Structures are given as C-alpha cells and as structure tokens.
N, C-alpha and C. Protein backbone atom coordinates (compact mmCIF):
# COMPACT_ATOMS: atom_id res chain seq x y z
N MET A 1 -144.02 -102.24 151.19
CA MET A 1 -143.39 -102.28 149.89
C MET A 1 -144.24 -103.14 148.96
N GLY A 2 -144.36 -102.69 147.73
CA GLY A 2 -145.18 -103.38 146.75
C GLY A 2 -144.40 -104.37 145.93
N ALA A 3 -145.08 -104.90 144.94
CA ALA A 3 -144.47 -105.87 144.03
C ALA A 3 -144.15 -105.19 142.71
N LEU A 4 -142.99 -105.51 142.17
CA LEU A 4 -142.57 -104.99 140.88
C LEU A 4 -142.98 -106.00 139.81
N THR A 5 -143.70 -105.52 138.80
CA THR A 5 -144.19 -106.39 137.74
C THR A 5 -143.73 -105.87 136.39
N PHE A 6 -143.18 -106.75 135.57
CA PHE A 6 -142.81 -106.42 134.20
C PHE A 6 -143.78 -107.13 133.26
N TYR A 7 -144.22 -106.44 132.24
CA TYR A 7 -145.01 -107.10 131.21
C TYR A 7 -144.75 -106.44 129.87
N THR A 8 -145.18 -107.11 128.82
CA THR A 8 -144.97 -106.60 127.46
C THR A 8 -146.30 -106.25 126.83
N THR A 9 -146.24 -105.39 125.84
CA THR A 9 -147.42 -105.02 125.09
C THR A 9 -147.00 -104.64 123.68
N GLN A 10 -147.91 -104.76 122.75
CA GLN A 10 -147.66 -104.35 121.37
C GLN A 10 -148.08 -102.90 121.15
N SER A 11 -148.85 -102.35 122.09
CA SER A 11 -149.41 -101.00 121.89
C SER A 11 -148.57 -99.93 122.60
N CYS A 12 -147.43 -99.62 122.01
CA CYS A 12 -146.56 -98.57 122.52
C CYS A 12 -146.44 -97.48 121.47
N ARG A 13 -146.18 -96.27 121.92
CA ARG A 13 -145.94 -95.18 120.98
C ARG A 13 -144.66 -95.47 120.20
N PRO A 14 -144.58 -95.07 118.94
CA PRO A 14 -143.36 -95.30 118.15
C PRO A 14 -142.13 -94.72 118.86
N GLY A 15 -141.06 -95.50 118.90
CA GLY A 15 -139.81 -95.07 119.52
C GLY A 15 -139.73 -95.33 121.01
N THR A 16 -140.83 -95.78 121.62
CA THR A 16 -140.83 -96.05 123.06
C THR A 16 -140.24 -97.43 123.31
N ILE A 17 -139.27 -97.48 124.21
CA ILE A 17 -138.60 -98.73 124.55
C ILE A 17 -139.29 -99.41 125.72
N ALA A 18 -139.55 -98.63 126.76
CA ALA A 18 -140.19 -99.14 127.97
C ALA A 18 -140.76 -97.95 128.73
N TYR A 19 -141.67 -98.21 129.66
CA TYR A 19 -142.18 -97.13 130.50
C TYR A 19 -142.75 -97.68 131.79
N TYR A 20 -142.72 -96.82 132.80
CA TYR A 20 -143.38 -97.12 134.07
C TYR A 20 -144.82 -96.68 133.92
N LYS A 21 -145.73 -97.55 134.26
CA LYS A 21 -147.15 -97.24 134.13
C LYS A 21 -147.59 -96.43 135.34
N LYS A 22 -147.65 -95.10 135.15
CA LYS A 22 -148.01 -94.20 136.25
C LYS A 22 -149.37 -94.58 136.81
N GLY A 23 -149.45 -94.46 138.12
CA GLY A 23 -150.69 -94.81 138.80
C GLY A 23 -150.74 -96.27 139.22
N SER A 24 -149.83 -97.06 138.70
CA SER A 24 -149.78 -98.47 139.10
C SER A 24 -148.85 -98.59 140.31
N GLU A 25 -148.99 -99.64 141.05
CA GLU A 25 -148.12 -99.83 142.21
C GLU A 25 -146.68 -100.04 141.78
N GLY A 26 -146.45 -100.82 140.76
CA GLY A 26 -145.08 -101.08 140.32
C GLY A 26 -145.01 -101.82 139.00
N SER A 27 -145.71 -101.32 138.00
CA SER A 27 -145.74 -101.99 136.69
C SER A 27 -144.81 -101.29 135.70
N VAL A 28 -143.90 -102.06 135.12
CA VAL A 28 -143.01 -101.58 134.08
C VAL A 28 -143.35 -102.33 132.80
N VAL A 29 -143.59 -101.58 131.74
CA VAL A 29 -143.99 -102.15 130.45
C VAL A 29 -142.78 -102.16 129.53
N LEU A 30 -142.51 -103.30 128.94
CA LEU A 30 -141.44 -103.44 127.94
C LEU A 30 -142.10 -103.50 126.56
N CYS A 31 -141.73 -102.58 125.71
CA CYS A 31 -142.31 -102.47 124.36
C CYS A 31 -141.53 -103.33 123.38
N PRO A 32 -142.09 -103.62 122.21
CA PRO A 32 -141.35 -104.40 121.21
C PRO A 32 -139.97 -103.82 120.90
N GLU A 33 -139.86 -102.49 120.89
CA GLU A 33 -138.60 -101.82 120.62
C GLU A 33 -137.51 -102.23 121.63
N PHE A 34 -137.92 -102.55 122.85
CA PHE A 34 -136.97 -102.99 123.87
C PHE A 34 -136.21 -104.24 123.40
N PHE A 35 -136.91 -105.13 122.74
CA PHE A 35 -136.33 -106.40 122.31
C PHE A 35 -135.67 -106.34 120.93
N TYR A 36 -136.17 -105.47 120.06
CA TYR A 36 -135.71 -105.51 118.68
C TYR A 36 -134.75 -104.39 118.28
N ASN A 37 -134.86 -103.23 118.89
CA ASN A 37 -134.02 -102.10 118.48
C ASN A 37 -133.26 -101.51 119.67
N ASN A 38 -132.88 -102.34 120.60
CA ASN A 38 -132.21 -101.90 121.80
C ASN A 38 -131.08 -102.88 122.07
N ALA A 39 -129.87 -102.39 122.23
CA ALA A 39 -128.72 -103.27 122.44
C ALA A 39 -128.89 -104.10 123.70
N ASP A 40 -128.43 -105.36 123.64
CA ASP A 40 -128.43 -106.20 124.85
C ASP A 40 -127.61 -105.52 125.93
N VAL A 41 -126.39 -105.15 125.58
CA VAL A 41 -125.51 -104.40 126.48
C VAL A 41 -124.73 -103.41 125.62
N ALA A 42 -124.79 -102.14 125.97
CA ALA A 42 -124.11 -101.10 125.19
C ALA A 42 -122.60 -101.26 125.27
N GLN A 43 -121.94 -100.93 124.19
CA GLN A 43 -120.49 -101.02 124.14
C GLN A 43 -119.83 -99.78 124.74
N ARG A 44 -120.58 -98.70 124.85
CA ARG A 44 -120.03 -97.48 125.44
C ARG A 44 -121.11 -96.79 126.27
N CYS A 45 -120.68 -95.86 127.09
CA CYS A 45 -121.61 -95.13 127.95
C CYS A 45 -122.59 -94.29 127.14
N PHE A 46 -123.73 -94.08 127.73
CA PHE A 46 -124.78 -93.20 127.20
C PHE A 46 -125.41 -93.73 125.92
N GLN A 47 -125.22 -95.00 125.64
CA GLN A 47 -125.86 -95.65 124.50
C GLN A 47 -127.00 -96.48 125.08
N GLN A 48 -128.17 -96.36 124.51
CA GLN A 48 -129.33 -97.07 125.04
C GLN A 48 -129.10 -98.58 125.01
N ASP A 49 -129.41 -99.26 126.10
CA ASP A 49 -129.34 -100.72 126.13
C ASP A 49 -130.41 -101.25 127.07
N GLN A 50 -130.59 -102.57 127.06
CA GLN A 50 -131.64 -103.18 127.87
C GLN A 50 -131.43 -103.01 129.37
N PRO A 51 -130.23 -103.32 129.91
CA PRO A 51 -130.07 -103.18 131.36
C PRO A 51 -130.31 -101.75 131.86
N SER A 52 -129.76 -100.76 131.17
CA SER A 52 -129.93 -99.38 131.65
C SER A 52 -131.38 -98.91 131.46
N SER A 53 -132.07 -99.43 130.46
CA SER A 53 -133.49 -99.09 130.29
C SER A 53 -134.32 -99.62 131.45
N VAL A 54 -134.02 -100.83 131.88
CA VAL A 54 -134.74 -101.42 133.02
C VAL A 54 -134.46 -100.62 134.29
N ILE A 55 -133.20 -100.27 134.52
CA ILE A 55 -132.86 -99.47 135.70
C ILE A 55 -133.59 -98.13 135.67
N HIS A 56 -133.57 -97.47 134.51
CA HIS A 56 -134.26 -96.19 134.36
C HIS A 56 -135.73 -96.33 134.77
N GLU A 57 -136.42 -97.31 134.21
CA GLU A 57 -137.86 -97.46 134.49
C GLU A 57 -138.11 -97.89 135.93
N MET A 58 -137.26 -98.74 136.47
CA MET A 58 -137.44 -99.17 137.86
C MET A 58 -137.32 -98.01 138.83
N THR A 59 -136.47 -97.03 138.54
CA THR A 59 -136.33 -95.90 139.47
C THR A 59 -137.59 -95.04 139.51
N HIS A 60 -138.44 -95.13 138.48
CA HIS A 60 -139.70 -94.38 138.50
C HIS A 60 -140.69 -94.96 139.51
N VAL A 61 -140.57 -96.24 139.83
CA VAL A 61 -141.53 -96.91 140.72
C VAL A 61 -141.45 -96.26 142.10
N PRO A 62 -142.60 -95.80 142.64
CA PRO A 62 -142.59 -95.05 143.90
C PRO A 62 -141.91 -95.75 145.07
N PHE A 63 -142.08 -97.05 145.23
CA PHE A 63 -141.47 -97.70 146.39
C PHE A 63 -139.99 -98.05 146.17
N ILE A 64 -139.47 -97.76 144.96
CA ILE A 64 -138.03 -97.92 144.72
C ILE A 64 -137.34 -96.56 144.85
N MET A 65 -137.68 -95.61 143.98
CA MET A 65 -137.08 -94.26 144.06
C MET A 65 -138.12 -93.16 143.81
N GLY A 66 -139.07 -93.41 142.93
CA GLY A 66 -140.06 -92.39 142.59
C GLY A 66 -139.50 -91.23 141.78
N THR A 67 -138.56 -91.55 140.87
CA THR A 67 -137.92 -90.50 140.07
C THR A 67 -138.86 -89.99 138.97
N GLU A 68 -138.43 -88.89 138.38
CA GLU A 68 -139.10 -88.30 137.21
C GLU A 68 -138.08 -88.23 136.08
N ASP A 69 -138.51 -87.75 134.92
CA ASP A 69 -137.61 -87.49 133.80
C ASP A 69 -137.41 -85.99 133.70
N TYR A 70 -136.47 -85.46 134.47
CA TYR A 70 -136.20 -84.02 134.46
C TYR A 70 -135.28 -83.63 133.31
N SER A 71 -134.40 -84.53 132.91
CA SER A 71 -133.46 -84.20 131.84
C SER A 71 -133.99 -84.72 130.51
N ASP A 72 -133.23 -84.49 129.46
CA ASP A 72 -133.69 -84.82 128.11
C ASP A 72 -133.12 -86.15 127.59
N TYR A 73 -132.82 -87.07 128.47
CA TYR A 73 -132.30 -88.40 128.12
C TYR A 73 -130.87 -88.36 127.58
N THR A 74 -130.16 -87.27 127.81
CA THR A 74 -128.76 -87.19 127.39
C THR A 74 -127.90 -86.88 128.61
N MET A 75 -126.61 -87.21 128.53
CA MET A 75 -125.71 -86.90 129.63
C MET A 75 -125.60 -85.39 129.81
N ARG A 76 -125.58 -84.66 128.72
CA ARG A 76 -125.53 -83.19 128.83
C ARG A 76 -126.74 -82.68 129.59
N GLY A 77 -127.91 -83.26 129.30
CA GLY A 77 -129.12 -82.87 130.01
C GLY A 77 -129.01 -83.13 131.50
N VAL A 78 -128.44 -84.27 131.86
CA VAL A 78 -128.24 -84.61 133.28
C VAL A 78 -127.27 -83.62 133.92
N GLN A 79 -126.19 -83.30 133.23
CA GLN A 79 -125.18 -82.39 133.77
C GLN A 79 -125.72 -80.97 133.96
N MET A 80 -126.71 -80.59 133.20
CA MET A 80 -127.28 -79.25 133.29
C MET A 80 -128.26 -79.11 134.47
N LEU A 81 -128.69 -80.21 135.03
CA LEU A 81 -129.65 -80.16 136.14
C LEU A 81 -128.98 -79.70 137.43
N PRO A 82 -129.71 -78.98 138.28
CA PRO A 82 -129.18 -78.69 139.61
C PRO A 82 -129.09 -80.01 140.40
N ALA A 83 -128.19 -80.06 141.36
CA ALA A 83 -127.95 -81.30 142.11
C ALA A 83 -129.23 -81.87 142.70
N VAL A 84 -130.09 -81.05 143.25
CA VAL A 84 -131.32 -81.55 143.87
C VAL A 84 -132.22 -82.24 142.83
N SER A 85 -132.22 -81.75 141.60
CA SER A 85 -133.01 -82.39 140.55
C SER A 85 -132.35 -83.69 140.08
N ASN A 86 -131.03 -83.72 140.08
CA ASN A 86 -130.32 -84.94 139.68
C ASN A 86 -130.70 -86.12 140.56
N LEU A 87 -130.88 -85.87 141.84
CA LEU A 87 -131.24 -86.96 142.74
C LEU A 87 -132.61 -87.55 142.43
N GLY A 88 -133.45 -86.79 141.77
CA GLY A 88 -134.78 -87.27 141.43
C GLY A 88 -134.96 -87.59 139.96
N ASP A 89 -133.86 -87.64 139.21
CA ASP A 89 -133.93 -87.87 137.76
C ASP A 89 -133.54 -89.30 137.42
N ALA A 90 -134.40 -89.99 136.71
CA ALA A 90 -134.14 -91.40 136.35
C ALA A 90 -132.89 -91.57 135.51
N ASN A 91 -132.58 -90.60 134.65
CA ASN A 91 -131.40 -90.72 133.79
C ASN A 91 -130.10 -90.69 134.58
N THR A 92 -130.08 -89.98 135.70
CA THR A 92 -128.89 -89.94 136.55
C THR A 92 -128.51 -91.36 136.98
N TYR A 93 -129.48 -92.11 137.45
CA TYR A 93 -129.23 -93.48 137.92
C TYR A 93 -128.92 -94.41 136.75
N GLN A 94 -129.60 -94.21 135.63
CA GLN A 94 -129.35 -95.02 134.44
C GLN A 94 -127.92 -94.86 133.98
N PHE A 95 -127.45 -93.63 133.84
CA PHE A 95 -126.10 -93.38 133.34
C PHE A 95 -125.05 -93.84 134.35
N PHE A 96 -125.30 -93.64 135.64
CA PHE A 96 -124.34 -94.08 136.65
C PHE A 96 -124.19 -95.60 136.59
N ALA A 97 -125.31 -96.31 136.55
CA ALA A 97 -125.26 -97.77 136.52
C ALA A 97 -124.61 -98.29 135.25
N GLN A 98 -124.80 -97.59 134.17
CA GLN A 98 -124.24 -98.03 132.89
C GLN A 98 -122.76 -97.69 132.78
N CYS A 99 -122.36 -96.52 133.24
CA CYS A 99 -121.01 -96.04 132.97
C CYS A 99 -120.00 -96.29 134.08
N LYS A 100 -120.42 -96.29 135.32
CA LYS A 100 -119.46 -96.46 136.41
C LYS A 100 -118.74 -97.80 136.33
N PRO A 101 -119.40 -98.92 136.09
CA PRO A 101 -118.66 -100.19 135.97
C PRO A 101 -117.65 -100.16 134.82
N LYS A 102 -118.00 -99.55 133.68
CA LYS A 102 -117.07 -99.46 132.55
C LYS A 102 -115.84 -98.63 132.94
N GLU A 103 -116.08 -97.55 133.68
CA GLU A 103 -114.99 -96.69 134.13
C GLU A 103 -114.06 -97.46 135.08
N LEU A 104 -114.65 -98.20 135.99
CA LEU A 104 -113.85 -98.96 136.94
C LEU A 104 -113.06 -100.08 136.25
N LEU A 105 -113.68 -100.72 135.27
CA LEU A 105 -113.02 -101.80 134.54
C LEU A 105 -111.90 -101.30 133.64
N SER A 106 -111.96 -100.03 133.26
CA SER A 106 -110.93 -99.49 132.37
C SER A 106 -109.63 -99.16 133.12
N HIS A 107 -109.66 -99.14 134.44
CA HIS A 107 -108.47 -98.89 135.24
C HIS A 107 -107.77 -100.21 135.54
N LYS A 108 -106.50 -100.24 135.35
CA LYS A 108 -105.74 -101.45 135.66
C LYS A 108 -105.53 -101.54 137.15
N ILE A 109 -105.81 -102.68 137.69
CA ILE A 109 -105.59 -102.92 139.12
C ILE A 109 -104.29 -103.68 139.26
N VAL A 110 -103.36 -103.12 140.00
CA VAL A 110 -102.05 -103.74 140.14
C VAL A 110 -101.98 -104.46 141.46
C-alpha cells in the first residue's frame, strides 16, 4: 500500500476543485476553488462540498479504490449507470458518504 499525499497548486483548469494526479502513486491536488468556492459542509445532498470532494478524489487512488468518473457528476448520472459501473464510479461513493448520514440523522430514534 502506498502513501496518500495532498497538495495545493495555483495551476488548475477553471472550475476544477480537486483532482487525482493520474500516474502518481497517491497524489490528490486541491485547487484554489476547493478553498474559495466550495462549501465547508453542504447543507443538502448532491451539493458540492469539501468533504465529499476529498472522498471523490481519494476513491480514484489505485490502492484505495481505483475508481473512474463514469457518470456526469450528478445523482441522475449515477442512477443511470449499470450496477457494475456504479461500483467503479467515484460519484457513487461521494454521494453515499455525503447523503447517507443526513438521511440517517433525519430519522427520529425513539
């Protein structure tokens, strides 16, 4: 198993929040947009935020999951994928991690 490394750079494409540096053992790049135009924690599901962005990029790392971006970064895109593709799609894990806790917290425990 390799080491996961996060670093920042000013040279990102416009609109890019973060990315896994393909070909690297485990490098995730956080762009300025990650810090300035990305919610700390989303108030609702499927809204871009820092924690779900990190989870999304971490799943791309080969020794973690080795996922791809098969869907179009929307929940509808994830739902349209066949099950076998969902297992390899970074957005599937991002949305699950972001929305499942909110769903569980919305139920009253008696």
